[in-house]
N, C-alpha and C. Protein backbone atom coordinates (compact mmCIF):
# COMPACT_ATOMS: atom_id res chain seq x y z
N MET A 1 -8.15 58.57 -13.74
CA MET A 1 -7.27 57.51 -13.29
C MET A 1 -7.04 56.56 -14.44
N GLU A 2 -5.80 56.22 -14.66
CA GLU A 2 -5.43 55.31 -15.73
C GLU A 2 -5.13 53.92 -15.16
N LYS A 3 -5.27 52.93 -16.00
CA LYS A 3 -5.00 51.55 -15.62
C LYS A 3 -3.71 51.09 -16.30
N ALA A 4 -2.88 50.33 -15.57
CA ALA A 4 -1.65 49.80 -16.13
C ALA A 4 -1.51 48.35 -15.72
N LYS A 5 -0.74 47.59 -16.49
CA LYS A 5 -0.57 46.17 -16.21
C LYS A 5 0.90 45.87 -16.00
N VAL A 6 1.17 44.99 -15.03
CA VAL A 6 2.53 44.57 -14.73
C VAL A 6 2.84 43.32 -15.56
N SER A 7 4.00 43.32 -16.24
CA SER A 7 4.38 42.17 -17.07
C SER A 7 4.89 41.03 -16.20
N SER A 8 5.14 39.89 -16.83
CA SER A 8 5.66 38.73 -16.11
C SER A 8 7.06 38.99 -15.55
N LYS A 9 7.75 39.99 -16.10
CA LYS A 9 9.08 40.37 -15.63
C LYS A 9 9.02 41.45 -14.55
N GLY A 10 7.82 41.83 -14.14
CA GLY A 10 7.66 42.87 -13.11
C GLY A 10 7.75 44.28 -13.66
N GLN A 11 7.69 44.41 -14.98
CA GLN A 11 7.78 45.73 -15.59
C GLN A 11 6.40 46.37 -15.68
N LEU A 12 6.38 47.67 -15.48
CA LEU A 12 5.13 48.42 -15.52
C LEU A 12 5.24 49.47 -16.62
N VAL A 13 4.24 49.55 -17.47
CA VAL A 13 4.23 50.56 -18.52
C VAL A 13 3.45 51.76 -17.99
N ILE A 14 4.13 52.91 -17.91
CA ILE A 14 3.47 54.15 -17.49
C ILE A 14 2.67 54.65 -18.69
N PRO A 15 1.37 54.92 -18.50
CA PRO A 15 0.55 55.39 -19.62
C PRO A 15 1.17 56.62 -20.31
N LYS A 16 1.04 56.67 -21.63
CA LYS A 16 1.63 57.71 -22.46
C LYS A 16 1.28 59.12 -21.98
N GLN A 17 0.05 59.32 -21.59
CA GLN A 17 -0.39 60.64 -21.13
C GLN A 17 0.51 61.14 -19.99
N PHE A 18 0.81 60.27 -19.03
CA PHE A 18 1.64 60.66 -17.89
C PHE A 18 3.11 60.81 -18.28
N ARG A 19 3.58 59.93 -19.17
CA ARG A 19 4.98 60.05 -19.63
C ARG A 19 5.19 61.38 -20.31
N ASP A 20 4.24 61.76 -21.15
CA ASP A 20 4.34 63.04 -21.87
C ASP A 20 4.29 64.23 -20.90
N GLU A 21 3.33 64.20 -19.97
CA GLU A 21 3.16 65.31 -19.02
C GLU A 21 4.39 65.48 -18.12
N MET A 22 5.00 64.37 -17.73
CA MET A 22 6.10 64.41 -16.78
C MET A 22 7.48 64.36 -17.44
N GLY A 23 7.51 64.29 -18.76
CA GLY A 23 8.78 64.28 -19.48
C GLY A 23 9.58 63.00 -19.25
N ILE A 24 8.87 61.89 -19.12
CA ILE A 24 9.53 60.60 -18.89
C ILE A 24 9.67 59.91 -20.24
N GLY A 25 10.90 59.85 -20.73
CA GLY A 25 11.17 59.21 -22.01
C GLY A 25 12.10 58.02 -21.84
N LYS A 26 12.49 57.43 -22.94
CA LYS A 26 13.37 56.27 -22.93
C LYS A 26 14.67 56.58 -22.17
N GLY A 27 15.01 55.73 -21.23
CA GLY A 27 16.24 55.89 -20.47
C GLY A 27 16.15 56.84 -19.29
N LYS A 28 15.03 57.54 -19.16
CA LYS A 28 14.86 58.49 -18.05
C LYS A 28 14.73 57.71 -16.74
N GLU A 29 15.41 58.19 -15.71
CA GLU A 29 15.34 57.51 -14.41
C GLU A 29 14.27 58.16 -13.54
N VAL A 30 13.66 57.34 -12.69
CA VAL A 30 12.64 57.80 -11.76
C VAL A 30 12.92 57.22 -10.38
N PHE A 31 12.46 57.91 -9.35
CA PHE A 31 12.45 57.36 -8.01
C PHE A 31 11.12 56.65 -7.83
N VAL A 32 11.14 55.50 -7.16
CA VAL A 32 9.90 54.80 -6.81
C VAL A 32 9.90 54.66 -5.30
N GLU A 33 8.84 55.16 -4.68
CA GLU A 33 8.76 55.14 -3.23
C GLU A 33 7.37 54.70 -2.79
N GLU A 34 7.32 53.98 -1.68
CA GLU A 34 6.04 53.54 -1.13
C GLU A 34 5.77 54.35 0.13
N ILE A 35 4.62 54.97 0.20
CA ILE A 35 4.20 55.72 1.37
C ILE A 35 2.77 55.31 1.72
N ASP A 36 2.61 54.69 2.87
CA ASP A 36 1.30 54.25 3.35
C ASP A 36 0.53 53.44 2.30
N GLY A 37 1.20 52.51 1.65
CA GLY A 37 0.55 51.63 0.69
C GLY A 37 0.34 52.23 -0.69
N VAL A 38 0.88 53.42 -0.92
CA VAL A 38 0.74 54.09 -2.22
C VAL A 38 2.12 54.18 -2.86
N LEU A 39 2.24 53.77 -4.14
CA LEU A 39 3.50 53.88 -4.85
C LEU A 39 3.59 55.24 -5.54
N LEU A 40 4.70 55.92 -5.32
CA LEU A 40 4.95 57.19 -5.97
C LEU A 40 6.05 56.99 -7.01
N ILE A 41 5.85 57.53 -8.19
CA ILE A 41 6.86 57.50 -9.25
C ILE A 41 7.24 58.95 -9.50
N ILE A 42 8.51 59.28 -9.18
CA ILE A 42 8.96 60.66 -9.26
C ILE A 42 10.09 60.77 -10.26
N PRO A 43 9.90 61.51 -11.36
CA PRO A 43 10.97 61.68 -12.35
C PRO A 43 12.18 62.38 -11.73
N ILE A 44 13.36 61.92 -12.09
CA ILE A 44 14.59 62.55 -11.62
C ILE A 44 15.02 63.57 -12.68
N PRO A 45 15.09 64.85 -12.32
CA PRO A 45 15.48 65.87 -13.31
C PRO A 45 16.94 65.71 -13.71
N LYS A 46 17.27 66.15 -14.94
CA LYS A 46 18.65 66.11 -15.42
C LYS A 46 19.55 66.93 -14.50
N ASP A 47 19.10 68.10 -14.11
CA ASP A 47 19.86 68.99 -13.24
C ASP A 47 19.01 69.32 -12.02
N PRO A 48 19.18 68.57 -10.92
CA PRO A 48 18.36 68.79 -9.73
C PRO A 48 18.45 70.20 -9.16
N VAL A 49 19.62 70.82 -9.24
CA VAL A 49 19.77 72.18 -8.72
C VAL A 49 18.93 73.15 -9.54
N LYS A 50 18.99 73.00 -10.86
CA LYS A 50 18.20 73.87 -11.74
C LYS A 50 16.70 73.64 -11.53
N ALA A 51 16.31 72.40 -11.26
CA ALA A 51 14.90 72.08 -11.05
C ALA A 51 14.36 72.76 -9.80
N LEU A 52 15.21 73.02 -8.81
CA LEU A 52 14.78 73.65 -7.57
C LEU A 52 14.82 75.18 -7.64
N ARG A 53 15.35 75.71 -8.72
CA ARG A 53 15.46 77.16 -8.86
C ARG A 53 14.08 77.81 -8.79
N GLY A 54 13.95 78.79 -7.92
CA GLY A 54 12.70 79.53 -7.79
C GLY A 54 11.67 78.86 -6.90
N ILE A 55 12.04 77.76 -6.23
CA ILE A 55 11.07 77.02 -5.43
C ILE A 55 10.54 77.86 -4.26
N SER A 56 11.35 78.79 -3.76
CA SER A 56 10.91 79.59 -2.61
C SER A 56 10.37 80.97 -3.02
N LYS A 57 10.16 81.14 -4.31
CA LYS A 57 9.67 82.42 -4.80
C LYS A 57 8.32 82.74 -4.16
N GLY A 58 8.23 83.92 -3.60
CA GLY A 58 6.99 84.34 -2.97
C GLY A 58 6.89 83.97 -1.50
N VAL A 59 7.82 83.14 -1.01
CA VAL A 59 7.79 82.76 0.40
C VAL A 59 8.26 83.92 1.26
N PHE A 60 9.32 84.57 0.83
CA PHE A 60 9.87 85.70 1.57
C PHE A 60 9.36 86.99 0.94
N LYS A 61 8.86 87.86 1.78
CA LYS A 61 8.27 89.11 1.29
C LYS A 61 9.34 90.13 0.90
N LYS A 62 10.55 89.99 1.49
CA LYS A 62 11.61 90.94 1.23
C LYS A 62 12.82 90.24 0.62
N SER A 63 13.62 91.00 -0.10
CA SER A 63 14.87 90.44 -0.64
C SER A 63 15.84 90.24 0.51
N SER A 64 16.79 89.35 0.32
CA SER A 64 17.78 89.09 1.37
C SER A 64 18.59 90.34 1.70
N VAL A 65 18.89 91.14 0.70
CA VAL A 65 19.66 92.36 0.92
C VAL A 65 18.87 93.32 1.82
N LYS A 66 17.60 93.49 1.52
CA LYS A 66 16.75 94.39 2.31
C LYS A 66 16.59 93.86 3.74
N LEU A 67 16.45 92.56 3.89
CA LEU A 67 16.31 91.95 5.20
C LEU A 67 17.57 92.15 6.04
N VAL A 68 18.74 91.95 5.45
CA VAL A 68 20.01 92.15 6.17
C VAL A 68 20.15 93.61 6.60
N ARG A 69 19.81 94.54 5.74
CA ARG A 69 19.90 95.97 6.09
C ARG A 69 19.01 96.29 7.28
N GLU A 70 17.79 95.77 7.29
CA GLU A 70 16.87 96.01 8.40
C GLU A 70 17.39 95.40 9.70
N LEU A 71 17.96 94.20 9.61
CA LEU A 71 18.51 93.57 10.80
C LEU A 71 19.70 94.35 11.34
N ARG A 72 20.53 94.88 10.47
CA ARG A 72 21.67 95.69 10.90
C ARG A 72 21.21 96.95 11.61
N GLU A 73 20.15 97.57 11.10
CA GLU A 73 19.60 98.76 11.73
C GLU A 73 19.07 98.46 13.13
N GLU A 74 18.47 97.29 13.32
CA GLU A 74 17.96 96.88 14.61
C GLU A 74 19.09 96.68 15.60
N TRP A 75 20.23 96.19 15.16
CA TRP A 75 21.35 95.90 16.04
C TRP A 75 22.01 97.18 16.55
N GLN A 76 21.91 98.25 15.79
CA GLN A 76 22.60 99.49 16.16
C GLN A 76 21.83 100.28 17.17
């Protein structure tokens, strides 16, 4: 756990270790959200669609093409 200090202007410096790990550099935007008294800082990816690519990998055991073929066979 790292410690950070809030400036008189309300600015918070994210420790370098976390900035480097999360790719947060100068000008990078982040979402800040409060959930049950905990602040979350979530980096906004340059391309949100690309960032989600492959998110469901391994969730489905079969390809969509194979699944559709099996469903068609069941209907007949």
